[in-house]
N, C-alpha and C. Protein backbone atom coordinates (compact mmCIF):
# COMPACT_ATOMS: atom_id res chain seq x y z
N MET A 1 78.27 -112.25 -13.38
CA MET A 1 78.79 -113.06 -12.41
C MET A 1 80.03 -113.18 -12.76
N PHE A 2 81.21 -113.02 -11.92
CA PHE A 2 82.74 -113.09 -11.90
C PHE A 2 82.96 -114.28 -10.92
N ILE A 3 84.02 -114.94 -11.53
CA ILE A 3 84.70 -115.89 -10.70
C ILE A 3 86.30 -115.80 -10.78
N ASP A 4 86.64 -115.76 -9.60
CA ASP A 4 88.08 -115.06 -9.18
C ASP A 4 89.06 -116.23 -9.60
N SER A 5 90.43 -115.75 -9.92
CA SER A 5 91.35 -116.70 -10.21
C SER A 5 91.70 -117.54 -8.97
N GLU A 6 92.29 -118.74 -9.35
CA GLU A 6 93.15 -119.48 -8.27
C GLU A 6 94.06 -118.99 -8.14
N GLU A 7 94.96 -119.22 -6.80
CA GLU A 7 96.20 -118.66 -6.54
C GLU A 7 97.37 -119.43 -7.20
N ARG A 8 97.46 -120.59 -7.27
CA ARG A 8 98.19 -121.50 -8.01
C ARG A 8 98.54 -121.11 -9.19
N SER A 9 97.61 -121.01 -9.89
CA SER A 9 97.90 -121.01 -11.42
C SER A 9 97.44 -119.84 -12.18
N TRP A 10 96.69 -118.81 -11.40
CA TRP A 10 96.07 -117.81 -11.96
C TRP A 10 95.03 -117.84 -13.03
N ASN A 11 94.63 -119.35 -13.21
CA ASN A 11 93.71 -119.39 -14.04
C ASN A 11 92.20 -119.35 -13.44
N MET A 12 91.06 -119.00 -14.26
CA MET A 12 89.93 -119.16 -13.30
C MET A 12 89.57 -120.52 -12.34
N ASP A 13 89.23 -120.35 -11.08
CA ASP A 13 89.14 -121.60 -10.20
C ASP A 13 88.16 -122.32 -10.63
N PRO A 14 88.62 -123.60 -11.26
CA PRO A 14 87.61 -124.46 -11.85
C PRO A 14 86.30 -125.18 -10.87
N ALA A 15 86.93 -125.21 -9.61
CA ALA A 15 86.03 -125.89 -8.59
C ALA A 15 85.19 -124.98 -8.37
N LEU A 16 85.56 -123.60 -8.21
CA LEU A 16 84.67 -122.52 -7.88
C LEU A 16 83.65 -122.02 -8.84
N ALA A 17 83.99 -122.27 -10.09
CA ALA A 17 83.12 -122.11 -11.39
C ALA A 17 82.25 -123.21 -11.26
N CYS A 18 82.58 -124.56 -11.28
CA CYS A 18 81.56 -125.80 -11.29
C CYS A 18 80.57 -125.53 -10.09
N ALA A 19 81.01 -125.19 -8.85
CA ALA A 19 80.18 -124.91 -7.87
C ALA A 19 79.13 -123.70 -8.13
N VAL A 20 79.42 -122.66 -8.59
CA VAL A 20 78.48 -121.72 -8.96
C VAL A 20 77.58 -122.03 -10.15
N ILE A 21 78.09 -122.73 -11.07
CA ILE A 21 77.42 -122.99 -12.24
C ILE A 21 76.19 -123.97 -11.98
N GLU A 22 76.66 -124.84 -10.97
CA GLU A 22 75.84 -125.85 -10.31
C GLU A 22 74.55 -125.36 -9.52
N GLN A 23 74.87 -124.42 -8.64
CA GLN A 23 74.26 -123.67 -7.96
C GLN A 23 73.05 -122.48 -8.79
N LYS A 24 73.88 -122.18 -9.87
CA LYS A 24 72.75 -121.29 -10.72
C LYS A 24 71.88 -122.20 -11.71
N ALA A 25 72.34 -123.18 -12.10
CA ALA A 25 71.25 -124.31 -12.85
C ALA A 25 70.43 -124.70 -12.03
N LYS A 26 70.76 -125.02 -10.67
CA LYS A 26 69.58 -125.47 -9.75
C LYS A 26 68.46 -124.53 -9.66
N ALA A 27 68.66 -123.22 -9.85
CA ALA A 27 67.95 -122.08 -9.64
C ALA A 27 67.46 -121.53 -10.92
N GLY A 28 67.72 -122.47 -11.92
CA GLY A 28 67.12 -122.05 -13.48
C GLY A 28 67.56 -121.02 -13.89
N LYS A 29 68.94 -120.38 -13.64
CA LYS A 29 69.76 -119.53 -14.13
C LYS A 29 71.26 -120.07 -14.82
N ALA A 30 71.42 -121.01 -15.44
CA ALA A 30 72.41 -121.59 -15.62
C ALA A 30 73.08 -120.58 -17.01
N PRO A 31 74.31 -120.24 -16.68
CA PRO A 31 75.30 -119.25 -17.61
C PRO A 31 74.84 -119.71 -19.10
N LYS A 32 74.82 -118.80 -19.82
CA LYS A 32 75.08 -119.34 -21.40
C LYS A 32 76.22 -119.60 -22.04
N ALA A 33 77.25 -118.81 -21.25
CA ALA A 33 78.64 -118.48 -21.77
C ALA A 33 79.37 -118.85 -20.68
N LEU A 34 80.73 -118.75 -21.00
CA LEU A 34 81.96 -118.97 -20.17
C LEU A 34 82.97 -118.47 -20.85
N VAL A 35 83.48 -117.26 -20.51
CA VAL A 35 84.42 -116.47 -21.15
C VAL A 35 85.83 -116.48 -20.30
N LEU A 36 86.82 -117.03 -21.42
CA LEU A 36 88.17 -117.09 -20.58
C LEU A 36 89.17 -116.40 -21.35
N VAL A 37 90.19 -115.66 -20.86
CA VAL A 37 91.23 -115.07 -21.57
C VAL A 37 92.39 -115.28 -21.22
N HIS A 38 93.20 -115.15 -21.91
CA HIS A 38 94.80 -115.49 -21.55
C HIS A 38 95.67 -114.20 -22.22
N LEU A 39 96.84 -113.90 -21.19
CA LEU A 39 97.72 -112.77 -21.56
C LEU A 39 99.07 -113.28 -21.27
N TYR A 40 100.07 -112.89 -21.75
CA TYR A 40 101.38 -113.00 -21.31
C TYR A 40 101.83 -111.87 -20.17
N CYS A 41 101.96 -112.32 -19.05
CA CYS A 41 102.27 -111.42 -18.14
C CYS A 41 103.16 -111.95 -17.04
N LEU A 42 103.74 -110.91 -16.05
CA LEU A 42 104.27 -111.22 -15.18
C LEU A 42 103.79 -110.42 -14.00
N THR A 43 104.10 -111.06 -12.70
CA THR A 43 103.80 -110.25 -11.62
C THR A 43 104.94 -109.80 -10.86
N ILE A 44 104.72 -108.59 -10.22
CA ILE A 44 106.16 -107.83 -9.67
C ILE A 44 105.50 -107.59 -8.10
N ASP A 45 105.97 -108.34 -7.06
CA ASP A 45 105.76 -108.03 -5.86
C ASP A 45 106.94 -106.96 -5.29
N PRO A 46 106.45 -105.55 -4.94
CA PRO A 46 107.67 -104.76 -4.75
C PRO A 46 108.32 -105.05 -3.77
N GLN A 47 107.82 -105.63 -2.69
CA GLN A 47 108.68 -106.10 -1.20
C GLN A 47 109.69 -107.13 -1.93
N VAL A 48 109.28 -107.96 -2.82
CA VAL A 48 110.54 -108.90 -3.07
C VAL A 48 111.27 -108.37 -4.15
N ALA A 49 110.76 -107.85 -5.08
CA ALA A 49 111.51 -107.25 -6.34
C ALA A 49 112.27 -106.08 -6.20
N GLY A 50 111.78 -105.38 -4.98
CA GLY A 50 112.55 -104.09 -5.01
C GLY A 50 112.12 -102.77 -5.83
N VAL A 51 111.34 -103.17 -7.00
CA VAL A 51 110.62 -102.68 -7.87
C VAL A 51 109.10 -102.93 -8.26
N THR A 52 108.66 -101.67 -8.63
CA THR A 52 107.21 -101.74 -8.61
C THR A 52 106.74 -102.08 -10.36
N ARG A 53 105.54 -102.46 -10.56
CA ARG A 53 105.22 -102.89 -11.69
C ARG A 53 105.30 -101.62 -12.79
N GLU A 54 104.97 -100.35 -12.18
CA GLU A 54 105.02 -99.07 -12.88
C GLU A 54 106.59 -98.96 -13.36
N GLN A 55 107.52 -99.05 -12.50
CA GLN A 55 108.78 -98.88 -12.94
C GLN A 55 109.25 -99.84 -13.75
N VAL A 56 108.80 -101.05 -13.81
CA VAL A 56 109.26 -101.91 -14.82
C VAL A 56 108.62 -101.39 -16.16
N ARG A 57 107.30 -101.07 -16.20
CA ARG A 57 106.52 -100.66 -17.37
C ARG A 57 107.15 -99.25 -18.10
N LEU A 58 107.72 -98.32 -17.04
CA LEU A 58 108.44 -97.16 -17.52
C LEU A 58 109.83 -97.42 -18.01
N ALA A 59 110.57 -98.21 -17.65
CA ALA A 59 111.66 -98.92 -18.30
C ALA A 59 111.58 -99.47 -19.49
N LEU A 60 110.48 -100.26 -19.93
CA LEU A 60 110.26 -100.83 -20.96
C LEU A 60 109.61 -99.56 -21.95
N GLU A 61 108.90 -98.63 -21.47
CA GLU A 61 108.48 -97.56 -22.45
C GLU A 61 109.78 -96.75 -22.78
N ALA A 62 110.63 -96.71 -21.96
CA ALA A 62 112.10 -95.83 -22.44
C ALA A 62 112.66 -96.55 -23.43
N GLU A 63 112.39 -97.81 -23.70
CA GLU A 63 113.06 -98.52 -24.67
C GLU A 63 112.15 -98.92 -25.92
N ASN A 64 111.13 -97.94 -25.91
CA ASN A 64 110.25 -98.58 -26.94
C ASN A 64 109.44 -99.53 -27.25
N ILE A 65 109.29 -100.22 -25.90
CA ILE A 65 108.50 -101.50 -25.64
C ILE A 65 107.26 -100.89 -25.04
N GLU A 66 105.96 -101.60 -25.84
CA GLU A 66 104.72 -101.25 -25.04
C GLU A 66 104.44 -102.41 -23.98
N ALA A 67 104.12 -101.98 -22.89
CA ALA A 67 103.57 -103.09 -21.74
C ALA A 67 102.40 -102.34 -20.96
N ARG A 68 101.61 -103.11 -20.61
CA ARG A 68 100.26 -102.37 -20.01
C ARG A 68 100.08 -103.18 -18.76
N PRO A 69 99.63 -102.51 -17.96
CA PRO A 69 98.96 -103.27 -16.35
C PRO A 69 97.90 -104.39 -17.02
N VAL A 70 98.00 -105.36 -16.12
CA VAL A 70 97.03 -106.46 -16.39
C VAL A 70 95.50 -105.77 -16.39
N TRP A 71 94.86 -106.30 -17.19
CA TRP A 71 93.25 -105.80 -17.39
C TRP A 71 92.90 -105.65 -15.85
N LYS A 72 91.74 -104.49 -15.65
CA LYS A 72 91.74 -104.14 -14.38
C LYS A 72 90.11 -105.35 -14.26
N PRO A 73 90.12 -105.94 -13.19
CA PRO A 73 89.14 -107.29 -13.12
C PRO A 73 87.72 -106.37 -13.05
N MET A 74 86.94 -107.09 -13.78
CA MET A 74 85.45 -106.60 -14.14
C MET A 74 84.65 -106.20 -13.10
N HIS A 75 84.94 -107.34 -12.00
CA HIS A 75 84.28 -106.69 -11.00
C HIS A 75 84.47 -105.51 -10.28
N LEU A 76 85.74 -104.85 -10.32
CA LEU A 76 85.85 -103.70 -9.94
C LEU A 76 85.84 -102.43 -10.70
N GLN A 77 85.26 -102.71 -11.89
CA GLN A 77 84.75 -101.62 -12.77
C GLN A 77 83.64 -101.08 -12.29
N PRO A 78 83.49 -99.73 -12.56
CA PRO A 78 82.52 -99.01 -11.88
C PRO A 78 80.81 -99.77 -12.78
N VAL A 79 80.89 -99.78 -13.98
CA VAL A 79 79.64 -100.29 -14.71
C VAL A 79 79.12 -101.76 -13.97
N PHE A 80 80.10 -102.38 -13.31
CA PHE A 80 79.68 -103.82 -12.68
C PHE A 80 79.95 -103.74 -11.22
N ALA A 81 79.64 -102.65 -10.57
CA ALA A 81 79.75 -102.39 -9.11
C ALA A 81 78.95 -103.16 -8.41
N GLY A 82 77.99 -103.55 -8.83
CA GLY A 82 76.61 -104.41 -8.04
C GLY A 82 76.70 -105.67 -8.37
N ALA A 83 77.48 -106.26 -9.49
CA ALA A 83 77.32 -107.69 -9.90
C ALA A 83 77.99 -108.58 -8.94
N GLU A 84 77.61 -109.88 -9.39
CA GLU A 84 78.00 -110.77 -8.30
C GLU A 84 79.31 -111.27 -8.58
N MET A 85 80.02 -111.66 -7.35
CA MET A 85 81.31 -112.06 -7.57
C MET A 85 81.51 -113.12 -6.56
N HIS A 86 82.40 -114.03 -6.95
CA HIS A 86 82.40 -115.23 -6.24
C HIS A 86 84.21 -115.35 -6.25
N GLY A 87 84.66 -115.80 -4.99
CA GLY A 87 86.14 -115.73 -4.70
C GLY A 87 86.66 -114.68 -3.69
N GLY A 88 87.75 -114.90 -4.04
CA GLY A 88 89.07 -113.87 -3.06
C GLY A 88 89.14 -112.59 -3.60
N GLN A 89 90.58 -112.29 -3.65
CA GLN A 89 91.02 -111.20 -4.06
C GLN A 89 92.27 -111.33 -4.88
N VAL A 90 92.37 -112.55 -5.46
CA VAL A 90 93.49 -112.86 -6.24
C VAL A 90 93.82 -112.13 -7.47
N SER A 91 92.35 -111.90 -8.34
CA SER A 91 92.37 -111.16 -9.46
C SER A 91 92.56 -109.51 -9.10
N ALA A 92 92.49 -109.19 -7.95
CA ALA A 92 92.71 -107.72 -7.73
C ALA A 92 94.01 -107.40 -7.29
N ARG A 93 94.78 -108.26 -6.98
CA ARG A 93 96.28 -108.39 -6.58
C ARG A 93 97.04 -108.85 -8.11
N LEU A 94 96.31 -109.35 -8.68
CA LEU A 94 97.14 -109.41 -10.19
C LEU A 94 96.98 -108.27 -10.82
N PHE A 95 95.93 -107.44 -10.78
CA PHE A 95 95.81 -106.25 -11.31
C PHE A 95 96.91 -105.18 -10.87
N ASP A 96 96.86 -105.17 -9.23
CA ASP A 96 98.03 -104.49 -8.88
C ASP A 96 99.58 -104.78 -9.22
N GLN A 97 99.71 -105.82 -9.56
CA GLN A 97 101.32 -106.35 -9.78
C GLN A 97 101.37 -106.78 -10.98
N GLY A 98 100.39 -107.07 -11.94
CA GLY A 98 100.63 -107.72 -13.05
C GLY A 98 100.85 -106.76 -14.15
N LEU A 99 101.94 -107.03 -15.12
CA LEU A 99 102.29 -106.66 -16.35
C LEU A 99 102.13 -107.24 -17.69
N CYS A 100 101.35 -106.81 -18.65
CA CYS A 100 101.05 -107.41 -19.99
C CYS A 100 102.32 -107.27 -20.48
N LEU A 101 103.07 -108.22 -21.18
CA LEU A 101 104.13 -107.97 -22.19
C LEU A 101 103.80 -107.98 -23.68
N PRO A 102 104.60 -108.02 -24.39
CA PRO A 102 104.09 -107.88 -25.98
C PRO A 102 104.05 -109.40 -26.15
N SER A 103 103.24 -109.90 -27.09
CA SER A 103 102.78 -111.03 -27.65
C SER A 103 102.12 -111.09 -28.79
N GLY A 104 102.06 -112.20 -29.53
CA GLY A 104 101.64 -112.20 -30.84
C GLY A 104 102.52 -112.90 -31.65
N ALA A 105 101.75 -113.32 -32.85
CA ALA A 105 102.40 -114.50 -33.95
C ALA A 105 103.54 -113.26 -34.67
N ALA A 106 103.41 -112.47 -34.38
CA ALA A 106 104.40 -111.29 -35.44
C ALA A 106 105.69 -111.09 -34.32
N LEU A 107 105.69 -111.41 -33.15
CA LEU A 107 106.89 -111.19 -32.38
C LEU A 107 108.00 -111.95 -32.79
N SER A 108 108.96 -111.36 -32.94
CA SER A 108 110.08 -112.25 -33.56
C SER A 108 111.18 -112.67 -32.50
N ASP A 109 111.80 -113.68 -32.65
CA ASP A 109 112.84 -114.24 -31.53
C ASP A 109 113.58 -112.96 -31.20
N GLU A 110 114.02 -111.94 -31.99
CA GLU A 110 114.57 -110.86 -31.58
C GLU A 110 113.85 -110.16 -30.78
N ASP A 111 112.60 -109.59 -31.17
CA ASP A 111 111.52 -108.84 -30.28
C ASP A 111 111.68 -109.52 -28.90
N ARG A 112 111.40 -110.88 -28.81
CA ARG A 112 111.28 -111.33 -27.58
C ARG A 112 112.73 -111.18 -26.65
N ALA A 113 113.57 -111.40 -27.41
CA ALA A 113 114.92 -111.22 -26.70
C ALA A 113 115.07 -110.08 -26.01
N ARG A 114 114.93 -109.00 -26.94
CA ARG A 114 114.67 -107.37 -26.30
C ARG A 114 113.83 -107.35 -25.20
N VAL A 115 112.61 -108.03 -25.04
CA VAL A 115 111.83 -107.63 -24.22
C VAL A 115 112.42 -108.21 -22.62
N ILE A 116 112.98 -109.38 -22.95
CA ILE A 116 113.71 -110.40 -21.82
C ILE A 116 114.91 -109.36 -21.47
N THR A 117 115.81 -109.00 -22.23
CA THR A 117 116.88 -108.12 -21.73
C THR A 117 116.46 -106.96 -20.99
N SER A 118 115.43 -106.23 -21.67
CA SER A 118 115.07 -105.03 -20.89
C SER A 118 114.44 -105.13 -19.45
N VAL A 119 113.57 -106.38 -19.32
CA VAL A 119 112.91 -106.64 -18.27
C VAL A 119 113.94 -106.83 -17.13
N SER A 120 115.12 -107.78 -17.60
CA SER A 120 116.13 -108.29 -16.92
C SER A 120 116.94 -107.23 -16.26
N ARG A 121 117.17 -106.11 -17.03
CA ARG A 121 118.06 -105.07 -16.44
C ARG A 121 117.24 -104.02 -15.37
N VAL A 122 116.21 -104.27 -15.45
CA VAL A 122 115.28 -103.52 -14.03
C VAL A 122 115.55 -104.17 -12.87
N PHE A 123 115.65 -105.41 -12.98
CA PHE A 123 115.89 -106.39 -11.90
C PHE A 123 117.38 -106.30 -11.11
N VAL A 124 118.19 -106.15 -12.35
CA VAL A 124 119.88 -106.41 -12.00
C VAL A 124 120.62 -104.97 -12.01
N ARG A 125 120.18 -104.50 -10.53
CA ARG A 125 120.69 -102.96 -10.57
C ARG A 125 121.61 -103.24 -9.12
């Protein structure tokens, strides 16, 4: 079972999650786990930004900075084609427009500044 993100925060929609969990519990099928993930990413609306997520990714790659598209939502992956899905299309849009940026405890202030500068250059043309 997959719960879509909410538009405002991109987090799992808590009201929808509660409603689905309650519904499943009443049917005797309460979930055993709730898996949450987080990434450092940005979304790029090509209509607003004038560039695509892929153009930004390639610009970072040219600077030897690894960036990846936001993970494909589980409910859109072939292995889960028949899985139960609750919510709208927020996660699908995040996949289309989202770009994961470098992160982690080893990322220095210099590394972070390099990523920010490289991303900014793509938008300031």
